[in-house]
Amino acid sequence: MATSNDRAILNSIINPLIPNDEFKILGDVADEIDNSENVKNAKEFEKQGVICAEAGKMNEALQMFNNAIGSSPMWASAYNNRAQALRLLKRNDEAMEDLNKAIELSNGRGKAACQAYCQRAMLYHYTANEELAFADWESASNLGSQFAKNQLIQKNPYAALCNKMLHDVFKNLKEGSPIK
């Protein structure tokens, strides 16, 4: 498995809108401790995939993530990572399949599921399926994602109105204008 620094760099490339500290909070993608030889191999392939992705070698990264899945087909993290590479390659339908598989394998719990819900919500948002995006933001939020919580707040029209009003008040105070 990649180091937390590797993962933060990859996620900043893949998900530029997600705050960097999001992945420090979430930590490594692996939820359960499985020390089988297959999972160890899968983690090593994932690590190599992250290195390739950081170098901009997305096809090689994709191959490493494919190898990780081949090594341990029940390892949710590998599907989540491959989905990230597929998203960068604009292969969103395949990415969606991998995200669904990651959520299924993780039983919708843990860090791999949290990241998969966030990625899937973004894909739903890009295809204008806001209802499904909202449901996934909620699921990720319930799993502890601050980014997902922020997305839910932004989608709330009352919160948006309050934020606009606060912005205007602070702007007026800064400019010395009377508060309206």
N, C-alpha and C. Protein backbone atom coordinates (compact mmCIF):
# COMPACT_ATOMS: atom_id res chain seq x y z
N MET A 1 0.85 -1.18 0.00
CA MET A 1 0.00 0.00 0.00
C MET A 1 0.88 1.23 0.00
N ALA A 2 0.43 2.26 -0.61
CA ALA A 2 1.16 3.51 -0.69
C ALA A 2 1.21 4.19 0.68
N THR A 3 2.21 5.02 0.86
CA THR A 3 2.27 5.80 2.10
C THR A 3 1.16 6.84 2.07
N SER A 4 0.89 7.42 3.23
CA SER A 4 -0.16 8.44 3.28
C SER A 4 0.23 9.66 2.44
N ASN A 5 1.52 9.95 2.37
CA ASN A 5 1.98 11.05 1.52
C ASN A 5 1.74 10.75 0.05
N ASP A 6 2.04 9.51 -0.37
CA ASP A 6 1.78 9.10 -1.75
C ASP A 6 0.30 9.25 -2.08
N ARG A 7 -0.53 8.78 -1.17
CA ARG A 7 -1.97 8.82 -1.39
C ARG A 7 -2.46 10.27 -1.45
N ALA A 8 -1.93 11.13 -0.58
CA ALA A 8 -2.35 12.54 -0.59
C ALA A 8 -1.98 13.20 -1.90
N ILE A 9 -0.78 12.91 -2.42
CA ILE A 9 -0.36 13.49 -3.70
C ILE A 9 -1.25 13.00 -4.82
N LEU A 10 -1.47 11.68 -4.89
CA LEU A 10 -2.33 11.13 -5.93
C LEU A 10 -3.73 11.71 -5.85
N ASN A 11 -4.27 11.80 -4.65
CA ASN A 11 -5.63 12.32 -4.51
C ASN A 11 -5.70 13.81 -4.84
N SER A 12 -4.61 14.56 -4.60
CA SER A 12 -4.64 15.97 -4.98
C SER A 12 -4.63 16.11 -6.50
N ILE A 13 -4.01 15.15 -7.19
CA ILE A 13 -4.01 15.16 -8.66
C ILE A 13 -5.38 14.73 -9.19
N ILE A 14 -5.90 13.66 -8.63
CA ILE A 14 -7.14 13.07 -9.13
C ILE A 14 -8.36 13.88 -8.68
N ASN A 15 -8.32 14.35 -7.45
CA ASN A 15 -9.47 15.06 -6.90
C ASN A 15 -9.02 16.43 -6.40
N PRO A 16 -8.75 17.36 -7.31
CA PRO A 16 -8.19 18.65 -6.90
C PRO A 16 -9.12 19.46 -6.00
N LEU A 17 -10.39 19.15 -5.99
CA LEU A 17 -11.32 19.91 -5.15
C LEU A 17 -11.37 19.40 -3.72
N ILE A 18 -10.81 18.21 -3.47
CA ILE A 18 -10.83 17.66 -2.12
C ILE A 18 -9.68 18.27 -1.32
N PRO A 19 -9.99 18.79 -0.13
CA PRO A 19 -8.91 19.35 0.69
C PRO A 19 -7.86 18.29 1.00
N ASN A 20 -6.59 18.71 1.07
CA ASN A 20 -5.51 17.78 1.33
C ASN A 20 -5.65 17.06 2.65
N ASP A 21 -6.19 17.73 3.68
CA ASP A 21 -6.29 17.09 4.98
C ASP A 21 -7.37 16.01 5.03
N GLU A 22 -8.23 15.96 4.02
CA GLU A 22 -9.27 14.93 3.95
C GLU A 22 -8.65 13.54 4.04
N PHE A 23 -7.55 13.34 3.33
CA PHE A 23 -6.97 12.01 3.27
C PHE A 23 -6.07 11.73 4.45
N LYS A 24 -5.63 12.77 5.15
CA LYS A 24 -4.93 12.55 6.40
C LYS A 24 -5.91 12.04 7.44
N ILE A 25 -7.12 12.56 7.40
CA ILE A 25 -8.15 12.11 8.32
C ILE A 25 -8.54 10.67 8.01
N LEU A 26 -8.74 10.38 6.74
CA LEU A 26 -9.17 9.05 6.36
C LEU A 26 -8.05 8.02 6.49
N GLY A 27 -6.82 8.44 6.32
CA GLY A 27 -5.70 7.50 6.41
C GLY A 27 -5.66 6.59 5.21
N ASP A 28 -5.08 5.42 5.39
CA ASP A 28 -4.97 4.46 4.30
C ASP A 28 -6.33 3.91 3.92
N VAL A 29 -6.43 3.46 2.68
CA VAL A 29 -7.70 2.98 2.16
C VAL A 29 -8.10 1.66 2.80
N ALA A 30 -7.14 0.82 3.14
CA ALA A 30 -7.44 -0.51 3.66
C ALA A 30 -8.18 -0.41 4.98
N ASP A 31 -9.29 -1.10 5.08
CA ASP A 31 -10.11 -1.05 6.28
C ASP A 31 -9.81 -2.18 7.23
N GLU A 32 -9.68 -3.33 6.69
CA GLU A 32 -9.44 -4.48 7.54
C GLU A 32 -7.99 -4.92 7.37
N ILE A 33 -7.48 -5.55 8.40
CA ILE A 33 -6.10 -6.04 8.32
C ILE A 33 -6.15 -7.44 7.76
N ASP A 34 -5.58 -7.59 6.59
CA ASP A 34 -5.50 -8.89 5.93
C ASP A 34 -4.06 -9.05 5.48
N ASN A 35 -3.37 -9.96 6.08
CA ASN A 35 -1.96 -10.14 5.79
C ASN A 35 -1.70 -11.32 4.86
N SER A 36 -2.71 -11.75 4.13
CA SER A 36 -2.49 -12.86 3.21
C SER A 36 -1.50 -12.44 2.13
N GLU A 37 -0.86 -13.40 1.54
CA GLU A 37 0.13 -13.12 0.49
C GLU A 37 -0.51 -12.39 -0.69
N ASN A 38 -1.73 -12.76 -1.03
CA ASN A 38 -2.42 -12.10 -2.16
C ASN A 38 -2.65 -10.62 -1.88
N VAL A 39 -3.08 -10.30 -0.66
CA VAL A 39 -3.33 -8.90 -0.31
C VAL A 39 -2.01 -8.13 -0.25
N LYS A 40 -0.97 -8.76 0.27
CA LYS A 40 0.35 -8.10 0.28
C LYS A 40 0.79 -7.77 -1.14
N ASN A 41 0.57 -8.70 -2.06
CA ASN A 41 0.91 -8.46 -3.47
C ASN A 41 0.06 -7.32 -4.03
N ALA A 42 -1.24 -7.35 -3.71
CA ALA A 42 -2.15 -6.31 -4.20
C ALA A 42 -1.70 -4.93 -3.70
N LYS A 43 -1.30 -4.86 -2.44
CA LYS A 43 -0.84 -3.59 -1.88
C LYS A 43 0.41 -3.09 -2.60
N GLU A 44 1.30 -4.01 -2.92
CA GLU A 44 2.52 -3.62 -3.63
C GLU A 44 2.18 -3.12 -5.03
N PHE A 45 1.26 -3.81 -5.72
CA PHE A 45 0.84 -3.33 -7.04
C PHE A 45 0.18 -1.95 -6.93
N GLU A 46 -0.64 -1.75 -5.88
CA GLU A 46 -1.27 -0.45 -5.68
C GLU A 46 -0.21 0.64 -5.48
N LYS A 47 0.79 0.34 -4.69
CA LYS A 47 1.86 1.29 -4.45
C LYS A 47 2.54 1.67 -5.76
N GLN A 48 2.82 0.68 -6.58
CA GLN A 48 3.44 0.95 -7.88
C GLN A 48 2.49 1.75 -8.78
N GLY A 49 1.20 1.46 -8.68
CA GLY A 49 0.22 2.21 -9.46
C GLY A 49 0.19 3.68 -9.07
N VAL A 50 0.28 3.94 -7.78
CA VAL A 50 0.31 5.33 -7.31
C VAL A 50 1.55 6.03 -7.84
N ILE A 51 2.68 5.36 -7.80
CA ILE A 51 3.93 5.94 -8.30
C ILE A 51 3.79 6.27 -9.79
N CYS A 52 3.22 5.34 -10.55
CA CYS A 52 3.01 5.59 -11.98
C CYS A 52 2.07 6.76 -12.21
N ALA A 53 0.99 6.81 -11.44
CA ALA A 53 0.02 7.90 -11.60
C ALA A 53 0.66 9.25 -11.27
N GLU A 54 1.47 9.29 -10.22
CA GLU A 54 2.15 10.53 -9.86
C GLU A 54 3.08 10.99 -10.97
N ALA A 55 3.63 10.04 -11.71
CA ALA A 55 4.53 10.36 -12.83
C ALA A 55 3.77 10.66 -14.11
N GLY A 56 2.45 10.62 -14.05
CA GLY A 56 1.64 10.89 -15.23
C GLY A 56 1.52 9.72 -16.18
N LYS A 57 1.94 8.55 -15.76
CA LYS A 57 1.88 7.34 -16.59
C LYS A 57 0.59 6.59 -16.26
N MET A 58 -0.52 7.13 -16.72
CA MET A 58 -1.82 6.60 -16.31
C MET A 58 -2.09 5.20 -16.85
N ASN A 59 -1.65 4.89 -18.05
CA ASN A 59 -1.87 3.53 -18.56
C ASN A 59 -1.09 2.50 -17.75
N GLU A 60 0.14 2.86 -17.36
CA GLU A 60 0.92 1.96 -16.50
C GLU A 60 0.29 1.84 -15.12
N ALA A 61 -0.21 2.95 -14.60
CA ALA A 61 -0.90 2.92 -13.31
C ALA A 61 -2.11 1.99 -13.39
N LEU A 62 -2.86 2.13 -14.46
CA LEU A 62 -4.03 1.28 -14.65
C LEU A 62 -3.63 -0.19 -14.67
N GLN A 63 -2.54 -0.52 -15.33
CA GLN A 63 -2.07 -1.90 -15.37
C GLN A 63 -1.70 -2.40 -13.97
N MET A 64 -1.06 -1.55 -13.17
CA MET A 64 -0.70 -1.93 -11.80
C MET A 64 -1.95 -2.20 -10.97
N PHE A 65 -2.98 -1.36 -11.15
CA PHE A 65 -4.22 -1.56 -10.41
C PHE A 65 -4.94 -2.82 -10.91
N ASN A 66 -4.85 -3.10 -12.21
CA ASN A 66 -5.38 -4.36 -12.74
C ASN A 66 -4.67 -5.54 -12.10
N ASN A 67 -3.35 -5.44 -11.96
CA ASN A 67 -2.57 -6.51 -11.32
C ASN A 67 -2.98 -6.68 -9.86
N ALA A 68 -3.25 -5.57 -9.18
CA ALA A 68 -3.68 -5.63 -7.78
C ALA A 68 -5.01 -6.39 -7.68
N ILE A 69 -5.93 -6.10 -8.58
CA ILE A 69 -7.23 -6.78 -8.58
C ILE A 69 -7.05 -8.25 -8.93
N GLY A 70 -6.19 -8.54 -9.89
CA GLY A 70 -5.91 -9.93 -10.24
C GLY A 70 -5.31 -10.70 -9.08
N SER A 71 -4.50 -10.04 -8.30
CA SER A 71 -3.85 -10.68 -7.16
C SER A 71 -4.82 -10.93 -6.01
N SER A 72 -5.73 -9.99 -5.79
CA SER A 72 -6.69 -10.12 -4.68
C SER A 72 -8.03 -9.51 -5.10
N PRO A 73 -8.86 -10.28 -5.82
CA PRO A 73 -10.10 -9.74 -6.39
C PRO A 73 -11.15 -9.29 -5.37
N MET A 74 -10.97 -9.61 -4.11
CA MET A 74 -11.93 -9.19 -3.09
C MET A 74 -11.44 -7.96 -2.33
N TRP A 75 -10.33 -7.36 -2.75
CA TRP A 75 -9.72 -6.21 -2.08
C TRP A 75 -10.34 -4.92 -2.62
N ALA A 76 -11.23 -4.31 -1.85
CA ALA A 76 -11.99 -3.13 -2.29
C ALA A 76 -11.09 -1.96 -2.68
N SER A 77 -10.01 -1.79 -1.97
CA SER A 77 -9.09 -0.68 -2.23
C SER A 77 -8.59 -0.67 -3.67
N ALA A 78 -8.31 -1.83 -4.20
CA ALA A 78 -7.78 -1.92 -5.56
C ALA A 78 -8.80 -1.40 -6.58
N TYR A 79 -10.07 -1.72 -6.38
CA TYR A 79 -11.11 -1.24 -7.29
C TYR A 79 -11.25 0.28 -7.19
N ASN A 80 -11.16 0.79 -5.96
CA ASN A 80 -11.25 2.23 -5.76
C ASN A 80 -10.10 2.95 -6.45
N ASN A 81 -8.91 2.42 -6.30
CA ASN A 81 -7.74 3.04 -6.95
C ASN A 81 -7.83 2.95 -8.47
N ARG A 82 -8.27 1.81 -8.97
CA ARG A 82 -8.40 1.69 -10.42
C ARG A 82 -9.45 2.66 -10.95
N ALA A 83 -10.51 2.86 -10.18
CA ALA A 83 -11.54 3.83 -10.59
C ALA A 83 -10.95 5.23 -10.72
N GLN A 84 -10.04 5.59 -9.83
CA GLN A 84 -9.41 6.91 -9.92
C GLN A 84 -8.64 7.03 -11.23
N ALA A 85 -7.89 6.00 -11.57
CA ALA A 85 -7.12 6.02 -12.82
C ALA A 85 -8.07 6.07 -14.02
N LEU A 86 -9.13 5.31 -13.97
CA LEU A 86 -10.10 5.31 -15.07
C LEU A 86 -10.76 6.68 -15.23
N ARG A 87 -11.04 7.34 -14.13
CA ARG A 87 -11.61 8.68 -14.20
C ARG A 87 -10.67 9.64 -14.90
N LEU A 88 -9.38 9.55 -14.59
CA LEU A 88 -8.41 10.41 -15.24
C LEU A 88 -8.30 10.13 -16.73
N LEU A 89 -8.56 8.90 -17.10
CA LEU A 89 -8.52 8.51 -18.51
C LEU A 89 -9.86 8.75 -19.20
N LYS A 90 -10.79 9.39 -18.48
CA LYS A 90 -12.13 9.73 -19.01
C LYS A 90 -12.95 8.49 -19.35
N ARG A 91 -12.68 7.40 -18.67
CA ARG A 91 -13.43 6.16 -18.86
C ARG A 91 -14.40 6.01 -17.68
N ASN A 92 -15.35 6.94 -17.64
CA ASN A 92 -16.22 7.08 -16.48
C ASN A 92 -17.16 5.90 -16.26
N ASP A 93 -17.63 5.27 -17.33
CA ASP A 93 -18.52 4.12 -17.15
C ASP A 93 -17.79 2.97 -16.45
N GLU A 94 -16.55 2.74 -16.85
CA GLU A 94 -15.75 1.70 -16.21
C GLU A 94 -15.42 2.09 -14.77
N ALA A 95 -15.14 3.37 -14.56
CA ALA A 95 -14.86 3.84 -13.20
C ALA A 95 -16.07 3.61 -12.30
N MET A 96 -17.26 3.88 -12.84
CA MET A 96 -18.48 3.68 -12.06
C MET A 96 -18.64 2.21 -11.67
N GLU A 97 -18.34 1.30 -12.58
CA GLU A 97 -18.41 -0.14 -12.27
C GLU A 97 -17.47 -0.48 -11.13
N ASP A 98 -16.25 0.05 -11.17
CA ASP A 98 -15.28 -0.23 -10.11
C ASP A 98 -15.72 0.38 -8.78
N LEU A 99 -16.29 1.56 -8.82
CA LEU A 99 -16.76 2.18 -7.58
C LEU A 99 -17.89 1.38 -6.97
N ASN A 100 -18.81 0.91 -7.80
CA ASN A 100 -19.88 0.04 -7.30
C ASN A 100 -19.31 -1.22 -6.67
N LYS A 101 -18.30 -1.80 -7.31
CA LYS A 101 -17.67 -3.01 -6.79
C LYS A 101 -16.95 -2.73 -5.47
N ALA A 102 -16.26 -1.60 -5.37
CA ALA A 102 -15.57 -1.25 -4.12
C ALA A 102 -16.57 -1.10 -2.98
N ILE A 103 -17.69 -0.47 -3.27
CA ILE A 103 -18.72 -0.30 -2.24
C ILE A 103 -19.32 -1.64 -1.86
N GLU A 104 -19.57 -2.48 -2.85
CA GLU A 104 -20.11 -3.82 -2.59
C GLU A 104 -19.14 -4.64 -1.73
N LEU A 105 -17.87 -4.67 -2.11
CA LEU A 105 -16.89 -5.49 -1.38
C LEU A 105 -16.64 -4.98 0.03
N SER A 106 -16.76 -3.68 0.22
CA SER A 106 -16.54 -3.10 1.55
C SER A 106 -17.81 -3.10 2.39
N ASN A 107 -18.89 -3.59 1.82
CA ASN A 107 -20.20 -3.56 2.48
C ASN A 107 -20.61 -2.14 2.84
N GLY A 108 -20.13 -1.17 2.06
CA GLY A 108 -20.50 0.22 2.30
C GLY A 108 -19.94 0.79 3.59
N ARG A 109 -18.88 0.18 4.11
CA ARG A 109 -18.29 0.64 5.37
C ARG A 109 -16.80 0.85 5.19
N GLY A 110 -16.27 1.73 6.00
CA GLY A 110 -14.83 1.92 6.05
C GLY A 110 -14.31 2.94 5.06
N LYS A 111 -13.00 3.03 5.02
CA LYS A 111 -12.32 4.07 4.25
C LYS A 111 -12.45 3.87 2.74
N ALA A 112 -12.34 2.63 2.29
CA ALA A 112 -12.47 2.38 0.85
C ALA A 112 -13.87 2.78 0.38
N ALA A 113 -14.88 2.44 1.16
CA ALA A 113 -16.25 2.81 0.80
C ALA A 113 -16.43 4.32 0.82
N CYS A 114 -15.86 4.97 1.82
CA CYS A 114 -15.98 6.42 1.93
C CYS A 114 -15.41 7.10 0.68
N GLN A 115 -14.24 6.69 0.26
CA GLN A 115 -13.64 7.29 -0.93
C GLN A 115 -14.43 6.93 -2.18
N ALA A 116 -14.92 5.70 -2.25
CA ALA A 116 -15.71 5.28 -3.41
C ALA A 116 -17.01 6.08 -3.50
N TYR A 117 -17.66 6.30 -2.35
CA TYR A 117 -18.88 7.12 -2.36
C TYR A 117 -18.59 8.54 -2.85
N CYS A 118 -17.48 9.11 -2.40
CA CYS A 118 -17.12 10.47 -2.86
C CYS A 118 -16.87 10.50 -4.36
N GLN A 119 -16.11 9.55 -4.85
CA GLN A 119 -15.84 9.51 -6.29
C GLN A 119 -17.12 9.30 -7.10
N ARG A 120 -17.95 8.39 -6.61
CA ARG A 120 -19.18 8.10 -7.34
C ARG A 120 -20.11 9.33 -7.32
N ALA A 121 -20.16 10.02 -6.18
CA ALA A 121 -20.98 11.23 -6.10
C ALA A 121 -20.51 12.26 -7.12
N MET A 122 -19.19 12.38 -7.28
CA MET A 122 -18.67 13.32 -8.27
C MET A 122 -19.06 12.92 -9.68
N LEU A 123 -19.00 11.63 -9.97
CA LEU A 123 -19.42 11.16 -11.29
C LEU A 123 -20.91 11.42 -11.52
N TYR A 124 -21.72 11.15 -10.50
CA TYR A 124 -23.16 11.44 -10.62
C TYR A 124 -23.38 12.94 -10.85
N HIS A 125 -22.63 13.76 -10.13
CA HIS A 125 -22.77 15.21 -10.28
C HIS A 125 -22.43 15.64 -11.71
N TYR A 126 -21.36 15.10 -12.25
CA TYR A 126 -20.93 15.46 -13.61
C TYR A 126 -21.94 15.02 -14.66
N THR A 127 -22.75 14.01 -14.35
CA THR A 127 -23.78 13.56 -15.29
C THR A 127 -25.15 14.13 -14.94
N ALA A 128 -25.15 15.14 -14.07
CA ALA A 128 -26.38 15.85 -13.67
C ALA A 128 -27.39 14.96 -12.97
N ASN A 129 -26.92 13.94 -12.28
CA ASN A 129 -27.81 13.10 -11.49
C ASN A 129 -27.63 13.48 -10.03
N GLU A 130 -28.17 14.66 -9.70
CA GLU A 130 -27.94 15.25 -8.38
C GLU A 130 -28.56 14.46 -7.24
N GLU A 131 -29.66 13.78 -7.50
CA GLU A 131 -30.30 13.00 -6.45
C GLU A 131 -29.39 11.85 -5.98
N LEU A 132 -28.81 11.13 -6.94
CA LEU A 132 -27.89 10.05 -6.57
C LEU A 132 -26.59 10.61 -6.00
N ALA A 133 -26.13 11.73 -6.52
CA ALA A 133 -24.92 12.37 -5.97
C ALA A 133 -25.15 12.73 -4.50
N PHE A 134 -26.30 13.32 -4.22
CA PHE A 134 -26.62 13.72 -2.85
C PHE A 134 -26.63 12.50 -1.92
N ALA A 135 -27.22 11.39 -2.38
CA ALA A 135 -27.26 10.18 -1.55
C ALA A 135 -25.85 9.68 -1.25
N ASP A 136 -24.97 9.73 -2.24
CA ASP A 136 -23.59 9.29 -2.01
C ASP A 136 -22.82 10.27 -1.13
N TRP A 137 -23.07 11.58 -1.29
CA TRP A 137 -22.43 12.54 -0.38
C TRP A 137 -22.87 12.24 1.06
N GLU A 138 -24.15 11.91 1.24
CA GLU A 138 -24.64 11.57 2.57
C GLU A 138 -23.95 10.33 3.12
N SER A 139 -23.82 9.30 2.28
CA SER A 139 -23.16 8.07 2.72
C SER A 139 -21.71 8.33 3.11
N ALA A 140 -21.00 9.09 2.29
CA ALA A 140 -19.60 9.41 2.59
C ALA A 140 -19.50 10.27 3.85
N SER A 141 -20.42 11.19 3.98
CA SER A 141 -20.44 12.04 5.17
C SER A 141 -20.64 11.20 6.43
N ASN A 142 -21.55 10.26 6.35
CA ASN A 142 -21.81 9.37 7.50
C ASN A 142 -20.60 8.51 7.84
N LEU A 143 -19.72 8.30 6.85
CA LEU A 143 -18.50 7.54 7.09
C LEU A 143 -17.34 8.43 7.53
N GLY A 144 -17.60 9.74 7.66
CA GLY A 144 -16.60 10.64 8.22
C GLY A 144 -15.91 11.58 7.25
N SER A 145 -16.34 11.64 6.01
CA SER A 145 -15.68 12.51 5.03
C SER A 145 -16.10 13.96 5.22
N GLN A 146 -15.13 14.79 5.57
CA GLN A 146 -15.40 16.23 5.71
C GLN A 146 -15.72 16.85 4.36
N PHE A 147 -15.05 16.36 3.31
CA PHE A 147 -15.33 16.86 1.96
C PHE A 147 -16.80 16.62 1.61
N ALA A 148 -17.30 15.43 1.89
CA ALA A 148 -18.70 15.11 1.61
C ALA A 148 -19.63 16.00 2.43
N LYS A 149 -19.28 16.24 3.68
CA LYS A 149 -20.09 17.13 4.52
C LYS A 149 -20.15 18.52 3.91
N ASN A 150 -19.00 19.00 3.43
CA ASN A 150 -18.97 20.32 2.79
C ASN A 150 -19.83 20.35 1.53
N GLN A 151 -19.81 19.28 0.77
CA GLN A 151 -20.65 19.21 -0.43
C GLN A 151 -22.13 19.27 -0.07
N LEU A 152 -22.52 18.58 0.99
CA LEU A 152 -23.92 18.60 1.43
C LEU A 152 -24.34 20.00 1.85
N ILE A 153 -23.44 20.69 2.53
CA ILE A 153 -23.74 22.06 2.95
C ILE A 153 -23.92 22.95 1.73
N GLN A 154 -23.04 22.80 0.74
CA GLN A 154 -23.14 23.62 -0.47
C GLN A 154 -24.42 23.34 -1.24
N LYS A 155 -24.92 22.11 -1.16
CA LYS A 155 -26.13 21.75 -1.89
C LYS A 155 -27.39 22.23 -1.18
N ASN A 156 -27.25 22.62 0.08
CA ASN A 156 -28.39 23.07 0.87
C ASN A 156 -28.66 24.53 0.54
N PRO A 157 -29.84 24.85 -0.04
CA PRO A 157 -30.09 26.24 -0.45
C PRO A 157 -30.12 27.22 0.73
N TYR A 158 -30.57 26.77 1.90
CA TYR A 158 -30.60 27.65 3.06
C TYR A 158 -29.18 27.96 3.53
N ALA A 159 -28.33 26.96 3.51
CA ALA A 159 -26.93 27.17 3.90
C ALA A 159 -26.25 28.11 2.91
N ALA A 160 -26.56 27.95 1.63
CA ALA A 160 -25.96 28.82 0.61
C ALA A 160 -26.40 30.27 0.84
N LEU A 161 -27.66 30.46 1.15
CA LEU A 161 -28.17 31.81 1.40
C LEU A 161 -27.50 32.41 2.64
N CYS A 162 -27.37 31.62 3.70
CA CYS A 162 -26.70 32.10 4.92
C CYS A 162 -25.25 32.45 4.65
N ASN A 163 -24.58 31.59 3.88
CA ASN A 163 -23.18 31.86 3.54
C ASN A 163 -23.06 33.15 2.74
N LYS A 164 -23.97 33.39 1.81
CA LYS A 164 -23.94 34.61 1.01
C LYS A 164 -24.15 35.83 1.90
N MET A 165 -25.11 35.72 2.81
CA MET A 165 -25.39 36.84 3.70
C MET A 165 -24.17 37.13 4.58
N LEU A 166 -23.55 36.10 5.12
CA LEU A 166 -22.36 36.30 5.95
C LEU A 166 -21.23 36.90 5.13
N HIS A 167 -21.05 36.42 3.91
CA HIS A 167 -20.01 36.97 3.03
C HIS A 167 -20.24 38.45 2.81
N ASP A 168 -21.48 38.82 2.54
CA ASP A 168 -21.79 40.23 2.29
C ASP A 168 -21.53 41.08 3.53
N VAL A 169 -21.89 40.57 4.71
CA VAL A 169 -21.66 41.32 5.96
C VAL A 169 -20.17 41.55 6.17
N PHE A 170 -19.38 40.50 6.02
CA PHE A 170 -17.94 40.64 6.23
C PHE A 170 -17.30 41.54 5.16
N LYS A 171 -17.79 41.46 3.96
CA LYS A 171 -17.28 42.32 2.89
C LYS A 171 -17.56 43.78 3.23
N ASN A 172 -18.78 44.05 3.67
CA ASN A 172 -19.15 45.42 4.04
C ASN A 172 -18.32 45.92 5.23
N LEU A 173 -18.09 45.06 6.21
CA LEU A 173 -17.28 45.45 7.36
C LEU A 173 -15.85 45.76 6.94
N LYS A 174 -15.31 44.95 6.06
CA LYS A 174 -13.94 45.14 5.57
C LYS A 174 -13.82 46.44 4.81
N GLU A 175 -14.82 46.76 4.01
CA GLU A 175 -14.81 47.97 3.19
C GLU A 175 -15.23 49.21 3.99
N GLY A 176 -15.69 49.00 5.21
CA GLY A 176 -16.15 50.13 6.02
C GLY A 176 -17.54 50.59 5.68
N SER A 177 -18.24 49.81 4.86
CA SER A 177 -19.60 50.17 4.49
C SER A 177 -20.54 49.78 5.60
N PRO A 178 -21.67 50.48 5.69
CA PRO A 178 -22.66 50.11 6.71
C PRO A 178 -23.27 48.74 6.37
N ILE A 179 -23.61 48.02 7.40
CA ILE A 179 -24.25 46.71 7.21
C ILE A 179 -25.69 46.95 6.79
N LYS A 180 -26.07 46.29 5.73
CA LYS A 180 -27.43 46.47 5.18
C LYS A 180 -28.35 45.43 5.70
